[in-house]
Amino acid sequence: MIKMLIGFRRRPGMSLQDFKDYRRDVHAPLLFAIPEADLIRRFVVSYPVETTGWGEPSFDAVVEAWFDTIEDLDALYSCENFRTKVDPDHVNFIDLSSVNRIISEEIIVVPGQL
């Protein structure tokens, strides 16, 4: 299983709530409307919570997307539907200069879950 993690900040001038609402109500439906979204096995978005003593978060959101293979990930990101319908929308809510991503394999290290 391949997992892509993407951390990013919201577009300057956008409130955190507007950012969350836009991603949920506008952007996610664009992604999951394309047939190639079936290549995604799991999709999770995490937002920071207010804490004391942990400092400011580096990102306003972290997305985790699981794929069976790297070829499936490549197929989604290179398909015309993604390139023309989904990717152009990122500028509407993401500070594109803040995007960081890693393509990884998960290794479970919690005892009893190995």
Protein backbone atom coordinates (compact mmCIF):
# COMPACT_ATOMS: atom_id res chain seq x y z
CA MET A 1 0.00 0.00 0.00
CA ILE A 2 1.29 3.45 -0.95
CA LYS A 3 0.35 6.55 1.02
CA MET A 4 0.76 10.15 -0.06
CA LEU A 5 0.82 12.78 2.67
CA ILE A 6 0.41 16.44 1.71
CA GLY A 7 0.73 19.30 4.18
CA PHE A 8 -0.28 22.83 3.22
CA ARG A 9 -1.52 26.20 4.43
CA ARG A 10 -4.68 27.98 3.37
CA ARG A 11 -4.71 30.79 0.83
CA PRO A 12 -3.71 34.13 2.41
CA GLY A 13 -6.71 36.09 3.64
CA MET A 14 -8.93 33.00 3.98
CA SER A 15 -10.24 32.12 7.43
CA LEU A 16 -9.61 28.61 8.73
CA GLN A 17 -13.35 27.88 8.75
CA ASP A 18 -13.76 29.11 5.14
CA PHE A 19 -10.78 26.94 4.19
CA LYS A 20 -12.31 23.85 5.80
CA ASP A 21 -15.73 24.55 4.29
CA TYR A 22 -14.33 25.11 0.79
CA ARG A 23 -12.25 21.94 0.89
CA ARG A 24 -15.23 19.89 2.10
CA ASP A 25 -18.07 21.48 0.10
CA VAL A 26 -16.38 22.48 -3.16
CA HIS A 27 -13.05 20.75 -3.65
CA ALA A 28 -13.77 17.24 -2.34
CA PRO A 29 -16.85 16.86 -4.60
CA LEU A 30 -14.68 17.83 -7.61
CA LEU A 31 -12.16 15.12 -6.77
CA PHE A 32 -14.63 12.36 -5.99
CA ALA A 33 -16.74 13.10 -9.08
CA ILE A 34 -13.99 11.97 -11.46
CA PRO A 35 -13.93 8.24 -12.30
CA GLU A 36 -10.22 7.95 -11.48
CA ALA A 37 -10.96 8.77 -7.83
CA ASP A 38 -11.83 5.07 -7.52
CA LEU A 39 -8.06 4.49 -7.39
CA ILE A 40 -8.01 6.07 -3.92
CA ARG A 41 -8.41 3.39 -1.23
CA ARG A 42 -8.66 5.76 1.74
CA PHE A 43 -8.66 9.55 2.07
CA VAL A 44 -8.25 11.47 5.35
CA VAL A 45 -7.92 15.19 6.03
CA SER A 46 -6.55 16.33 9.40
CA TYR A 47 -6.76 19.86 10.78
CA PRO A 48 -4.80 21.22 13.75
CA VAL A 49 -6.51 21.64 17.10
CA GLU A 50 -5.73 24.36 19.62
CA THR A 51 -3.12 23.22 22.11
CA THR A 52 -0.97 24.67 24.86
CA GLY A 53 2.75 24.14 24.80
CA TRP A 54 3.03 22.60 21.33
CA GLY A 55 3.68 25.75 19.29
CA GLU A 56 2.05 26.85 16.06
CA PRO A 57 1.25 24.13 13.53
CA SER A 58 3.26 24.05 10.31
CA PHE A 59 0.16 23.39 8.21
CA ASP A 60 -3.54 24.22 8.16
CA ALA A 61 -4.28 20.71 6.87
CA VAL A 62 -2.62 17.39 6.16
CA VAL A 63 -4.15 15.08 3.56
CA GLU A 64 -3.47 11.35 3.54
CA ALA A 65 -4.40 9.36 0.44
CA TRP A 66 -3.83 5.60 0.11
CA PHE A 67 -3.34 3.74 -3.17
CA ASP A 68 -2.71 0.08 -4.00
CA THR A 69 0.37 0.94 -6.08
CA ILE A 70 2.51 3.89 -7.12
CA GLU A 71 1.13 3.33 -10.62
CA ASP A 72 -2.40 4.02 -9.31
CA LEU A 73 -1.22 7.25 -7.69
CA ASP A 74 0.52 8.26 -10.93
CA ALA A 75 -2.59 7.38 -12.95
CA LEU A 76 -4.79 9.65 -10.82
CA TYR A 77 -2.44 12.62 -10.87
CA SER A 78 -1.70 12.37 -14.59
CA CYS A 79 -5.25 11.80 -15.86
CA GLU A 80 -6.92 14.56 -17.83
CA ASN A 81 -9.84 14.80 -15.39
CA PHE A 82 -7.51 15.53 -12.48
CA ARG A 83 -5.35 17.94 -14.47
CA THR A 84 -8.30 19.92 -15.87
CA LYS A 85 -10.99 19.69 -13.15
CA VAL A 86 -9.34 19.10 -9.78
CA ASP A 87 -5.82 20.54 -9.87
CA PRO A 88 -6.84 24.03 -11.10
CA ASP A 89 -9.10 24.41 -8.05
CA HIS A 90 -6.22 24.15 -5.56
CA VAL A 91 -5.33 27.82 -6.04
CA ASN A 92 -8.78 28.78 -4.72
CA PHE A 93 -8.03 27.61 -1.18
CA ILE A 94 -4.37 26.54 -0.86
CA ASP A 95 -1.22 28.64 -0.60
CA LEU A 96 0.58 26.68 -3.32
CA SER A 97 4.00 27.85 -2.08
CA SER A 98 3.37 25.99 1.21
CA VAL A 99 2.69 22.53 -0.22
CA ASN A 100 4.90 19.69 1.05
CA ARG A 101 4.36 16.05 0.16
CA ILE A 102 5.83 12.66 0.80
CA ILE A 103 5.07 9.37 -0.92
CA SER A 104 5.50 6.57 1.59
CA GLU A 105 4.83 3.06 2.73
CA GLU A 106 3.30 2.60 6.15
CA ILE A 107 5.05 0.51 8.77
CA ILE A 108 2.84 -0.12 11.79
CA VAL A 109 4.88 -0.03 15.00
CA VAL A 110 2.22 -0.20 17.74
CA PRO A 111 2.61 -3.48 19.66
CA GLY A 112 -0.14 -5.94 18.82
CA GLN A 113 -0.74 -4.37 15.41
CA LEU A 114 2.39 -5.61 13.61
